[in-house]
N, C-alpha and C. Protein backbone atom coordinates (compact mmCIF):
# COMPACT_ATOMS: atom_id res chain seq x y z
N MET A 1 0.84 -1.19 0.00
CA MET A 1 0.00 0.00 0.00
C MET A 1 0.87 1.24 0.00
N HIS A 2 0.33 2.30 -0.55
CA HIS A 2 1.09 3.54 -0.62
C HIS A 2 0.57 4.52 0.41
N THR A 3 1.44 5.37 0.88
CA THR A 3 1.00 6.41 1.80
C THR A 3 0.19 7.44 1.04
N VAL A 4 -0.58 8.19 1.78
CA VAL A 4 -1.47 9.17 1.15
C VAL A 4 -1.05 10.56 1.51
N ASP A 5 -1.27 11.47 0.61
CA ASP A 5 -1.09 12.88 0.88
C ASP A 5 -2.42 13.46 1.30
N SER A 6 -2.37 14.61 1.97
CA SER A 6 -3.59 15.26 2.39
C SER A 6 -4.40 15.69 1.18
N PRO A 7 -5.73 15.45 1.17
CA PRO A 7 -6.57 15.94 0.08
C PRO A 7 -6.54 17.46 0.01
N HIS A 8 -7.12 17.98 -1.05
CA HIS A 8 -7.12 19.43 -1.23
C HIS A 8 -8.16 20.06 -0.31
N ILE A 9 -7.70 20.38 0.88
CA ILE A 9 -8.55 21.02 1.88
C ILE A 9 -7.92 22.35 2.21
N GLN A 10 -8.72 23.37 2.31
CA GLN A 10 -8.20 24.68 2.69
C GLN A 10 -7.70 24.64 4.12
N THR A 11 -6.45 24.95 4.33
CA THR A 11 -5.93 25.03 5.69
C THR A 11 -6.21 26.40 6.27
N HIS A 12 -6.37 26.44 7.58
CA HIS A 12 -6.70 27.68 8.25
C HIS A 12 -5.47 28.59 8.32
N PRO A 13 -5.65 29.91 8.32
CA PRO A 13 -4.50 30.82 8.39
C PRO A 13 -3.54 30.55 9.54
N TYR A 14 -4.01 29.97 10.68
CA TYR A 14 -3.09 29.68 11.77
C TYR A 14 -1.95 28.77 11.31
N SER A 15 -2.25 27.87 10.35
CA SER A 15 -1.23 26.94 9.91
C SER A 15 -0.11 27.63 9.16
N MET A 16 -0.34 28.84 8.71
CA MET A 16 0.67 29.59 7.97
C MET A 16 1.27 30.70 8.83
N SER A 17 0.89 30.72 10.12
CA SER A 17 1.32 31.81 10.98
C SER A 17 2.81 31.81 11.20
N ALA A 18 3.39 33.01 11.29
CA ALA A 18 4.81 33.14 11.57
C ALA A 18 5.06 33.59 13.00
N LYS A 19 4.01 33.52 13.84
CA LYS A 19 4.15 33.95 15.22
C LYS A 19 5.18 33.10 15.95
N ALA A 20 5.98 33.74 16.77
CA ALA A 20 6.98 33.01 17.54
C ALA A 20 6.32 32.10 18.56
N GLU A 21 5.23 32.55 19.15
CA GLU A 21 4.50 31.75 20.11
C GLU A 21 3.10 31.48 19.57
N SER A 22 2.87 30.24 19.21
CA SER A 22 1.58 29.88 18.63
C SER A 22 0.52 29.75 19.71
N PRO A 23 -0.74 30.13 19.39
CA PRO A 23 -1.81 29.91 20.35
C PRO A 23 -2.26 28.46 20.35
N LEU A 24 -1.71 27.63 19.48
CA LEU A 24 -2.12 26.23 19.37
C LEU A 24 -1.04 25.31 19.92
N LEU A 25 -1.47 24.22 20.53
CA LEU A 25 -0.56 23.25 21.13
C LEU A 25 -1.04 21.85 20.79
N ILE A 26 -0.12 21.00 20.34
CA ILE A 26 -0.42 19.59 20.07
C ILE A 26 0.35 18.76 21.09
N ILE A 27 -0.36 17.88 21.80
CA ILE A 27 0.27 17.02 22.80
C ILE A 27 0.07 15.57 22.42
N SER A 28 1.17 14.87 22.15
CA SER A 28 1.14 13.43 21.93
C SER A 28 1.27 12.75 23.28
N CYS A 29 0.26 11.98 23.67
CA CYS A 29 0.19 11.45 25.03
C CYS A 29 0.67 10.00 25.16
N SER A 30 0.97 9.36 24.06
CA SER A 30 1.39 7.96 24.14
C SER A 30 2.84 7.86 24.60
N LEU A 31 3.13 6.81 25.35
CA LEU A 31 4.50 6.52 25.78
C LEU A 31 5.10 5.38 24.95
N ASN A 32 4.36 4.88 23.99
CA ASN A 32 4.78 3.78 23.12
C ASN A 32 5.61 4.31 21.95
N PRO A 33 6.84 3.81 21.76
CA PRO A 33 7.68 4.31 20.65
C PRO A 33 7.04 4.14 19.27
N GLY A 34 6.20 3.10 19.11
CA GLY A 34 5.55 2.87 17.83
C GLY A 34 4.12 3.37 17.77
N SER A 35 3.81 4.39 18.54
CA SER A 35 2.44 4.86 18.71
C SER A 35 1.79 5.34 17.42
N ARG A 36 0.59 4.85 17.16
CA ARG A 36 -0.19 5.34 16.02
C ARG A 36 -0.82 6.69 16.33
N SER A 37 -1.15 6.95 17.60
CA SER A 37 -1.71 8.27 17.92
C SER A 37 -0.66 9.35 17.71
N ARG A 38 0.62 9.03 17.93
CA ARG A 38 1.69 10.01 17.66
C ARG A 38 1.80 10.28 16.15
N ILE A 39 1.63 9.24 15.34
CA ILE A 39 1.64 9.42 13.88
C ILE A 39 0.52 10.38 13.47
N MET A 40 -0.65 10.23 14.08
CA MET A 40 -1.77 11.12 13.79
C MET A 40 -1.46 12.54 14.24
N ALA A 41 -0.84 12.67 15.42
CA ALA A 41 -0.47 14.00 15.91
C ALA A 41 0.54 14.67 14.99
N GLN A 42 1.48 13.90 14.48
CA GLN A 42 2.48 14.46 13.56
C GLN A 42 1.83 14.90 12.26
N ALA A 43 0.82 14.17 11.82
CA ALA A 43 0.08 14.59 10.62
C ALA A 43 -0.64 15.91 10.87
N ALA A 44 -1.24 16.04 12.04
CA ALA A 44 -1.90 17.31 12.39
C ALA A 44 -0.89 18.44 12.48
N LYS A 45 0.30 18.14 12.98
CA LYS A 45 1.35 19.16 13.09
C LYS A 45 1.75 19.66 11.71
N SER A 46 1.71 18.78 10.70
CA SER A 46 2.04 19.21 9.34
C SER A 46 0.98 20.15 8.78
N ASP A 47 -0.24 20.07 9.32
CA ASP A 47 -1.32 20.99 8.91
C ASP A 47 -1.26 22.29 9.71
N LEU A 48 -0.83 22.20 10.96
CA LEU A 48 -0.75 23.37 11.85
C LEU A 48 0.72 23.64 12.13
N THR A 49 1.39 24.19 11.14
CA THR A 49 2.85 24.26 11.18
C THR A 49 3.38 25.15 12.30
N SER A 50 2.60 26.10 12.76
CA SER A 50 3.07 27.00 13.81
C SER A 50 2.73 26.51 15.21
N ALA A 51 2.02 25.39 15.32
CA ALA A 51 1.60 24.90 16.63
C ALA A 51 2.80 24.43 17.44
N GLU A 52 2.72 24.65 18.74
CA GLU A 52 3.71 24.11 19.67
C GLU A 52 3.52 22.60 19.75
N TRP A 53 4.62 21.87 19.98
CA TRP A 53 4.58 20.40 20.02
C TRP A 53 5.12 19.90 21.35
N VAL A 54 4.39 18.98 21.98
CA VAL A 54 4.86 18.31 23.19
C VAL A 54 4.62 16.82 23.03
N ASP A 55 5.65 16.02 23.33
CA ASP A 55 5.54 14.57 23.28
C ASP A 55 5.82 14.05 24.69
N LEU A 56 4.81 13.46 25.32
CA LEU A 56 4.99 12.99 26.70
C LEU A 56 6.02 11.87 26.80
N ALA A 57 6.28 11.18 25.69
CA ALA A 57 7.31 10.14 25.70
C ALA A 57 8.70 10.74 25.86
N GLU A 58 8.83 12.03 25.55
CA GLU A 58 10.13 12.70 25.65
C GLU A 58 10.16 13.68 26.82
N ASN A 59 9.05 13.80 27.53
CA ASN A 59 8.96 14.71 28.68
C ASN A 59 8.37 13.95 29.85
N GLU A 60 9.20 13.26 30.59
CA GLU A 60 8.73 12.40 31.67
C GLU A 60 8.07 13.23 32.77
N LEU A 61 6.88 12.78 33.16
CA LEU A 61 6.14 13.44 34.23
C LEU A 61 6.02 12.49 35.42
N PRO A 62 6.07 13.03 36.62
CA PRO A 62 5.86 12.18 37.80
C PRO A 62 4.39 11.81 37.92
N LEU A 63 4.10 10.76 38.68
CA LEU A 63 2.72 10.45 39.00
C LEU A 63 2.17 11.52 39.94
N CYS A 64 0.95 11.93 39.68
CA CYS A 64 0.35 12.96 40.52
C CYS A 64 0.11 12.39 41.92
N ASP A 65 0.70 13.04 42.91
CA ASP A 65 0.55 12.60 44.29
C ASP A 65 -0.22 13.62 45.13
N GLY A 66 -0.73 14.63 44.45
CA GLY A 66 -1.48 15.65 45.17
C GLY A 66 -0.62 16.59 46.00
N GLY A 67 0.71 16.52 45.78
CA GLY A 67 1.61 17.35 46.57
C GLY A 67 2.87 17.73 45.83
N ALA A 68 3.98 17.05 46.16
CA ALA A 68 5.29 17.43 45.64
C ALA A 68 5.40 17.36 44.12
N ALA A 69 4.60 16.50 43.48
CA ALA A 69 4.70 16.33 42.03
C ALA A 69 4.42 17.63 41.28
N TYR A 70 3.59 18.50 41.84
CA TYR A 70 3.27 19.76 41.16
C TYR A 70 4.50 20.65 41.00
N GLY A 71 5.51 20.46 41.82
CA GLY A 71 6.71 21.29 41.74
C GLY A 71 7.78 20.74 40.83
N HIS A 72 7.54 19.59 40.22
CA HIS A 72 8.52 19.00 39.30
C HIS A 72 8.75 19.94 38.12
N GLU A 73 10.00 20.09 37.70
CA GLU A 73 10.33 21.06 36.65
C GLU A 73 9.58 20.77 35.35
N ASN A 74 9.47 19.50 34.96
CA ASN A 74 8.75 19.18 33.72
C ASN A 74 7.27 19.53 33.82
N VAL A 75 6.71 19.37 34.99
CA VAL A 75 5.30 19.73 35.21
C VAL A 75 5.12 21.24 35.07
N LYS A 76 6.01 22.00 35.66
CA LYS A 76 5.91 23.46 35.60
C LYS A 76 6.06 23.95 34.15
N GLN A 77 6.99 23.37 33.41
CA GLN A 77 7.19 23.79 32.02
C GLN A 77 5.97 23.45 31.16
N LEU A 78 5.42 22.26 31.35
CA LEU A 78 4.24 21.87 30.58
C LEU A 78 3.04 22.72 30.96
N ALA A 79 2.88 23.01 32.24
CA ALA A 79 1.77 23.85 32.69
C ALA A 79 1.84 25.23 32.04
N GLU A 80 3.04 25.76 31.89
CA GLU A 80 3.22 27.07 31.24
C GLU A 80 2.79 27.01 29.78
N LYS A 81 3.13 25.92 29.08
CA LYS A 81 2.76 25.79 27.67
C LYS A 81 1.25 25.65 27.52
N ILE A 82 0.63 24.89 28.41
CA ILE A 82 -0.82 24.73 28.37
C ILE A 82 -1.50 26.07 28.67
N SER A 83 -0.99 26.77 29.64
CA SER A 83 -1.57 28.05 30.01
C SER A 83 -1.48 29.06 28.88
N ALA A 84 -0.37 29.03 28.13
CA ALA A 84 -0.15 29.99 27.05
C ALA A 84 -0.98 29.67 25.81
N ALA A 85 -1.40 28.42 25.66
CA ALA A 85 -2.14 28.01 24.46
C ALA A 85 -3.60 28.46 24.53
N LYS A 86 -4.19 28.64 23.37
CA LYS A 86 -5.62 28.92 23.26
C LYS A 86 -6.39 27.67 22.84
N GLY A 87 -5.78 26.88 21.94
CA GLY A 87 -6.38 25.64 21.47
C GLY A 87 -5.39 24.50 21.63
N ILE A 88 -5.88 23.34 22.07
CA ILE A 88 -5.00 22.20 22.34
C ILE A 88 -5.56 20.94 21.68
N LEU A 89 -4.71 20.26 20.95
CA LEU A 89 -5.08 19.00 20.31
C LEU A 89 -4.39 17.87 21.07
N LEU A 90 -5.18 16.93 21.57
CA LEU A 90 -4.67 15.82 22.36
C LEU A 90 -4.72 14.54 21.52
N ALA A 91 -3.57 13.90 21.36
CA ALA A 91 -3.50 12.62 20.65
C ALA A 91 -3.27 11.53 21.68
N THR A 92 -4.17 10.55 21.73
CA THR A 92 -4.10 9.54 22.78
C THR A 92 -4.39 8.15 22.25
N PRO A 93 -3.68 7.15 22.77
CA PRO A 93 -4.11 5.77 22.52
C PRO A 93 -5.30 5.45 23.41
N VAL A 94 -6.03 4.42 23.05
CA VAL A 94 -7.16 3.96 23.84
C VAL A 94 -6.80 2.61 24.45
N TYR A 95 -6.85 2.55 25.78
CA TYR A 95 -6.58 1.32 26.51
C TYR A 95 -7.78 1.01 27.40
N ASN A 96 -8.29 -0.22 27.32
CA ASN A 96 -9.40 -0.64 28.19
C ASN A 96 -10.58 0.33 28.12
N TYR A 97 -10.92 0.74 26.91
CA TYR A 97 -12.07 1.61 26.66
C TYR A 97 -11.95 2.97 27.32
N ASP A 98 -10.72 3.47 27.40
CA ASP A 98 -10.50 4.79 27.99
C ASP A 98 -9.23 5.37 27.40
N VAL A 99 -9.05 6.69 27.56
CA VAL A 99 -7.78 7.31 27.16
C VAL A 99 -6.68 6.77 28.07
N ASN A 100 -5.44 6.94 27.67
CA ASN A 100 -4.37 6.32 28.45
C ASN A 100 -4.10 7.07 29.76
N ALA A 101 -3.43 6.37 30.67
CA ALA A 101 -3.18 6.91 32.01
C ALA A 101 -2.28 8.15 31.95
N ALA A 102 -1.37 8.20 30.98
CA ALA A 102 -0.46 9.34 30.89
C ALA A 102 -1.22 10.63 30.63
N LEU A 103 -2.27 10.58 29.81
CA LEU A 103 -3.09 11.76 29.54
C LEU A 103 -3.83 12.20 30.80
N LYS A 104 -4.44 11.24 31.49
CA LYS A 104 -5.18 11.60 32.71
C LYS A 104 -4.24 12.14 33.79
N ASN A 105 -3.07 11.55 33.90
CA ASN A 105 -2.09 12.01 34.87
C ASN A 105 -1.64 13.44 34.55
N MET A 106 -1.44 13.73 33.26
CA MET A 106 -1.04 15.07 32.85
C MET A 106 -2.10 16.10 33.24
N ILE A 107 -3.37 15.78 33.03
CA ILE A 107 -4.43 16.72 33.38
C ILE A 107 -4.48 16.92 34.90
N GLU A 108 -4.29 15.85 35.66
CA GLU A 108 -4.28 15.98 37.11
C GLU A 108 -3.14 16.87 37.58
N LEU A 109 -2.00 16.79 36.90
CA LEU A 109 -0.83 17.58 37.30
C LEU A 109 -0.96 19.04 36.92
N THR A 110 -1.67 19.33 35.83
CA THR A 110 -1.69 20.70 35.30
C THR A 110 -3.03 21.41 35.53
N GLY A 111 -4.03 20.69 35.97
CA GLY A 111 -5.31 21.23 36.43
C GLY A 111 -5.81 22.54 35.86
N ARG A 112 -5.79 23.57 36.68
CA ARG A 112 -6.44 24.85 36.35
C ARG A 112 -5.87 25.51 35.10
N HIS A 113 -4.70 25.10 34.64
CA HIS A 113 -4.11 25.69 33.44
C HIS A 113 -4.92 25.34 32.18
N TRP A 114 -5.83 24.38 32.30
CA TRP A 114 -6.69 24.01 31.17
C TRP A 114 -7.91 24.92 31.04
N THR A 115 -8.13 25.78 31.99
CA THR A 115 -9.37 26.56 32.02
C THR A 115 -9.57 27.37 30.73
N GLY A 116 -10.73 27.18 30.11
CA GLY A 116 -11.12 27.97 28.96
C GLY A 116 -10.47 27.61 27.65
N LYS A 117 -9.79 26.46 27.55
CA LYS A 117 -9.12 26.09 26.31
C LYS A 117 -10.10 25.45 25.33
N VAL A 118 -9.82 25.61 24.05
CA VAL A 118 -10.49 24.83 23.01
C VAL A 118 -9.71 23.54 22.87
N VAL A 119 -10.39 22.39 22.92
CA VAL A 119 -9.70 21.10 22.96
C VAL A 119 -10.27 20.16 21.90
N GLY A 120 -9.38 19.47 21.19
CA GLY A 120 -9.77 18.44 20.23
C GLY A 120 -9.03 17.15 20.53
N PHE A 121 -9.56 16.03 20.00
CA PHE A 121 -8.99 14.71 20.28
C PHE A 121 -8.68 13.93 19.02
N LEU A 122 -7.50 13.29 19.03
CA LEU A 122 -7.11 12.28 18.05
C LEU A 122 -6.94 10.98 18.82
N CYS A 123 -7.60 9.91 18.41
CA CYS A 123 -7.57 8.66 19.17
C CYS A 123 -7.17 7.49 18.27
N ALA A 124 -6.28 6.65 18.78
CA ALA A 124 -5.90 5.43 18.10
C ALA A 124 -6.24 4.24 18.99
N ALA A 125 -6.99 3.28 18.45
CA ALA A 125 -7.45 2.15 19.24
C ALA A 125 -7.19 0.84 18.50
N GLY A 126 -7.33 -0.26 19.23
CA GLY A 126 -7.11 -1.56 18.63
C GLY A 126 -8.31 -2.10 17.87
N GLY A 127 -9.49 -1.55 18.13
CA GLY A 127 -10.70 -2.02 17.47
C GLY A 127 -11.72 -0.92 17.32
N ASN A 128 -12.89 -1.27 16.80
CA ASN A 128 -13.91 -0.27 16.48
C ASN A 128 -14.88 0.03 17.61
N SER A 129 -14.75 -0.62 18.75
CA SER A 129 -15.78 -0.53 19.79
C SER A 129 -15.52 0.54 20.84
N SER A 130 -14.39 1.25 20.74
CA SER A 130 -14.02 2.19 21.81
C SER A 130 -14.19 3.65 21.40
N TYR A 131 -15.06 3.90 20.42
CA TYR A 131 -15.13 5.25 19.87
C TYR A 131 -15.71 6.28 20.83
N MET A 132 -16.33 5.83 21.92
CA MET A 132 -16.83 6.78 22.92
C MET A 132 -15.84 6.97 24.07
N SER A 133 -14.65 6.45 23.93
CA SER A 133 -13.70 6.39 25.04
C SER A 133 -13.23 7.75 25.54
N VAL A 134 -13.30 8.78 24.71
CA VAL A 134 -12.81 10.10 25.14
C VAL A 134 -13.83 10.86 25.98
N MET A 135 -15.06 10.36 26.06
CA MET A 135 -16.11 11.18 26.66
C MET A 135 -15.89 11.45 28.15
N GLY A 136 -15.30 10.52 28.87
CA GLY A 136 -15.05 10.76 30.28
C GLY A 136 -14.13 11.94 30.51
N VAL A 137 -13.00 11.95 29.82
CA VAL A 137 -12.05 13.05 30.00
C VAL A 137 -12.58 14.33 29.35
N ALA A 138 -13.33 14.20 28.24
CA ALA A 138 -13.92 15.39 27.62
C ALA A 138 -14.92 16.05 28.57
N ASN A 139 -15.75 15.25 29.22
CA ASN A 139 -16.71 15.80 30.18
C ASN A 139 -16.00 16.46 31.35
N SER A 140 -14.91 15.84 31.81
CA SER A 140 -14.14 16.43 32.91
C SER A 140 -13.58 17.78 32.52
N LEU A 141 -13.02 17.88 31.31
CA LEU A 141 -12.46 19.15 30.85
C LEU A 141 -13.54 20.22 30.74
N MET A 142 -14.72 19.83 30.27
CA MET A 142 -15.82 20.80 30.14
C MET A 142 -16.33 21.25 31.49
N LEU A 143 -16.57 20.30 32.39
CA LEU A 143 -17.21 20.62 33.66
C LEU A 143 -16.24 21.20 34.69
N ASP A 144 -15.03 20.65 34.74
CA ASP A 144 -14.07 21.11 35.74
C ASP A 144 -13.34 22.38 35.32
N PHE A 145 -13.04 22.51 34.02
CA PHE A 145 -12.20 23.61 33.56
C PHE A 145 -12.85 24.45 32.46
N ARG A 146 -14.14 24.20 32.20
CA ARG A 146 -14.91 25.00 31.24
C ARG A 146 -14.23 25.07 29.88
N CYS A 147 -13.62 23.97 29.48
CA CYS A 147 -13.04 23.88 28.13
C CYS A 147 -14.16 23.81 27.10
N VAL A 148 -13.86 24.27 25.90
CA VAL A 148 -14.76 24.13 24.76
C VAL A 148 -14.23 22.96 23.94
N VAL A 149 -14.93 21.84 23.95
CA VAL A 149 -14.47 20.62 23.27
C VAL A 149 -15.06 20.58 21.87
N LEU A 150 -14.20 20.39 20.88
CA LEU A 150 -14.66 20.36 19.49
C LEU A 150 -15.69 19.25 19.30
N PRO A 151 -16.76 19.53 18.54
CA PRO A 151 -17.83 18.55 18.37
C PRO A 151 -17.52 17.48 17.33
N ARG A 152 -16.25 17.23 17.11
CA ARG A 152 -15.82 16.09 16.29
C ARG A 152 -14.47 15.65 16.83
N PHE A 153 -14.19 14.36 16.74
CA PHE A 153 -12.85 13.89 17.04
C PHE A 153 -12.49 12.82 16.03
N VAL A 154 -11.22 12.50 15.93
CA VAL A 154 -10.75 11.52 14.95
C VAL A 154 -10.41 10.23 15.68
N TYR A 155 -11.00 9.14 15.21
CA TYR A 155 -10.80 7.81 15.79
C TYR A 155 -10.26 6.90 14.70
N ALA A 156 -9.18 6.20 15.00
CA ALA A 156 -8.56 5.33 14.00
C ALA A 156 -8.17 4.00 14.62
N THR A 157 -8.07 2.98 13.79
CA THR A 157 -7.61 1.66 14.22
C THR A 157 -6.40 1.26 13.37
N GLY A 158 -5.85 0.11 13.65
CA GLY A 158 -4.66 -0.34 12.94
C GLY A 158 -4.86 -0.50 11.45
N SER A 159 -6.09 -0.68 11.02
CA SER A 159 -6.35 -0.87 9.59
C SER A 159 -6.08 0.39 8.78
N HIS A 160 -5.94 1.55 9.45
CA HIS A 160 -5.69 2.81 8.76
C HIS A 160 -4.20 3.07 8.55
N PHE A 161 -3.35 2.14 9.01
CA PHE A 161 -1.91 2.36 8.97
C PHE A 161 -1.19 1.16 8.34
N GLU A 162 -0.02 1.45 7.84
CA GLU A 162 0.92 0.39 7.47
C GLU A 162 2.27 0.80 8.02
N GLY A 163 2.69 0.11 9.07
CA GLY A 163 3.92 0.53 9.74
C GLY A 163 3.74 1.93 10.31
N PRO A 164 4.71 2.82 10.10
CA PRO A 164 4.63 4.18 10.65
C PRO A 164 3.93 5.17 9.73
N GLN A 165 3.14 4.67 8.77
CA GLN A 165 2.51 5.55 7.79
C GLN A 165 0.99 5.42 7.82
N ILE A 166 0.31 6.56 7.63
CA ILE A 166 -1.13 6.56 7.41
C ILE A 166 -1.38 6.16 5.96
N THR A 167 -2.18 5.11 5.75
CA THR A 167 -2.44 4.65 4.39
C THR A 167 -3.90 4.83 3.99
N ASP A 168 -4.70 5.40 4.86
CA ASP A 168 -6.11 5.60 4.59
C ASP A 168 -6.38 7.06 4.28
N ALA A 169 -6.85 7.35 3.07
CA ALA A 169 -7.05 8.74 2.65
C ALA A 169 -8.12 9.43 3.48
N ASP A 170 -9.16 8.69 3.88
CA ASP A 170 -10.23 9.30 4.68
C ASP A 170 -9.71 9.72 6.04
N LEU A 171 -8.86 8.90 6.66
CA LEU A 171 -8.29 9.27 7.95
C LEU A 171 -7.46 10.54 7.81
N ARG A 172 -6.65 10.61 6.77
CA ARG A 172 -5.82 11.81 6.59
C ARG A 172 -6.69 13.04 6.40
N HIS A 173 -7.78 12.88 5.67
CA HIS A 173 -8.73 13.98 5.46
C HIS A 173 -9.34 14.43 6.79
N ARG A 174 -9.73 13.45 7.62
CA ARG A 174 -10.36 13.78 8.90
C ARG A 174 -9.39 14.48 9.85
N ILE A 175 -8.13 14.09 9.81
CA ILE A 175 -7.13 14.77 10.65
C ILE A 175 -6.99 16.23 10.23
N THR A 176 -6.90 16.47 8.93
CA THR A 176 -6.80 17.84 8.43
C THR A 176 -8.04 18.65 8.80
N LYS A 177 -9.22 18.03 8.70
CA LYS A 177 -10.45 18.74 9.05
C LYS A 177 -10.45 19.10 10.53
N LEU A 178 -10.02 18.18 11.38
CA LEU A 178 -9.97 18.48 12.81
C LEU A 178 -8.95 19.59 13.11
N ALA A 179 -7.80 19.53 12.46
CA ALA A 179 -6.79 20.58 12.64
C ALA A 179 -7.35 21.93 12.24
N ASN A 180 -8.05 21.97 11.12
CA ASN A 180 -8.66 23.22 10.67
C ASN A 180 -9.73 23.70 11.65
N ASP A 181 -10.51 22.76 12.18
CA ASP A 181 -11.54 23.12 13.16
C ASP A 181 -10.91 23.71 14.42
N LEU A 182 -9.83 23.11 14.88
CA LEU A 182 -9.16 23.63 16.08
C LEU A 182 -8.73 25.07 15.85
N ALA A 183 -8.12 25.34 14.70
CA ALA A 183 -7.67 26.69 14.40
C ALA A 183 -8.84 27.66 14.27
N ALA A 184 -9.90 27.22 13.59
CA ALA A 184 -11.05 28.10 13.36
C ALA A 184 -11.80 28.41 14.65
N TYR A 185 -12.05 27.39 15.47
CA TYR A 185 -12.74 27.61 16.75
C TYR A 185 -11.90 28.49 17.67
N THR A 186 -10.59 28.23 17.70
CA THR A 186 -9.72 29.02 18.57
C THR A 186 -9.74 30.49 18.17
N LYS A 187 -9.71 30.75 16.87
CA LYS A 187 -9.73 32.13 16.39
C LYS A 187 -11.09 32.78 16.68
N ALA A 188 -12.17 32.03 16.43
CA ALA A 188 -13.51 32.58 16.61
C ALA A 188 -13.81 32.88 18.07
N LEU A 189 -13.28 32.06 18.98
CA LEU A 189 -13.57 32.22 20.40
C LEU A 189 -12.52 33.04 21.14
N ASN A 190 -11.53 33.53 20.42
CA ASN A 190 -10.47 34.31 21.06
C ASN A 190 -11.07 35.52 21.77
N GLY A 191 -10.74 35.66 23.03
CA GLY A 191 -11.29 36.75 23.83
C GLY A 191 -12.52 36.34 24.62
N LEU A 192 -13.20 35.29 24.16
CA LEU A 192 -14.38 34.81 24.88
C LEU A 192 -14.01 33.75 25.92
N THR A 193 -13.08 32.86 25.54
CA THR A 193 -12.72 31.79 26.47
C THR A 193 -12.04 32.34 27.71
N GLU A 194 -11.36 33.49 27.58
CA GLU A 194 -10.74 34.08 28.75
C GLU A 194 -11.78 34.43 29.81
N GLN A 195 -12.98 34.79 29.37
CA GLN A 195 -14.04 35.14 30.33
C GLN A 195 -14.48 33.93 31.15
N LEU A 196 -14.20 32.71 30.64
CA LEU A 196 -14.56 31.52 31.38
C LEU A 196 -13.68 31.31 32.59
N GLU A 197 -12.53 32.01 32.60
CA GLU A 197 -11.61 31.85 33.71
C GLU A 197 -12.08 32.62 34.96
N ALA A 198 -13.00 33.55 34.75
CA ALA A 198 -13.47 34.36 35.88
C ALA A 198 -14.32 33.53 36.84
């Protein structure tokens, strides 16, 4: 099978931004070196070229203990990046019908810094039955931190990949659409989400 290029979809102006500090942040949450969710996140990064990039596999975080862990240097640096972002795209594997523990641990460590963010999800799973798996963490982000969660997310299984490549044209299209939505919603809600922090 051959890899696919992105279809002819209009990319949002944020993807062409030359700003030194992007209002967009992409976080790859998998700790697996061969992660398919990371491949999806990298595809989104190619659409949102100015977005900040964080890979949890390269930024070790302590387990949240409700105390000393908040002062860890990597936690403080990540919290600053989350706080500075307006829109955040989370790429996560699905384990046992839920997002992975690393993603949940990251949210526990960075808490209030999520307030008022626009959030989207990229999910990679082993089968077709876990497509509702993000709803628990999505509801938490909405209710606890008043995040605006995009009304679409991208869900993929192993059949969409061959090795480290996306081979399904529809999946590539959906990733680009989600990336564009993140940029568009973030721009449209700029100045409004800050009011949610009050």
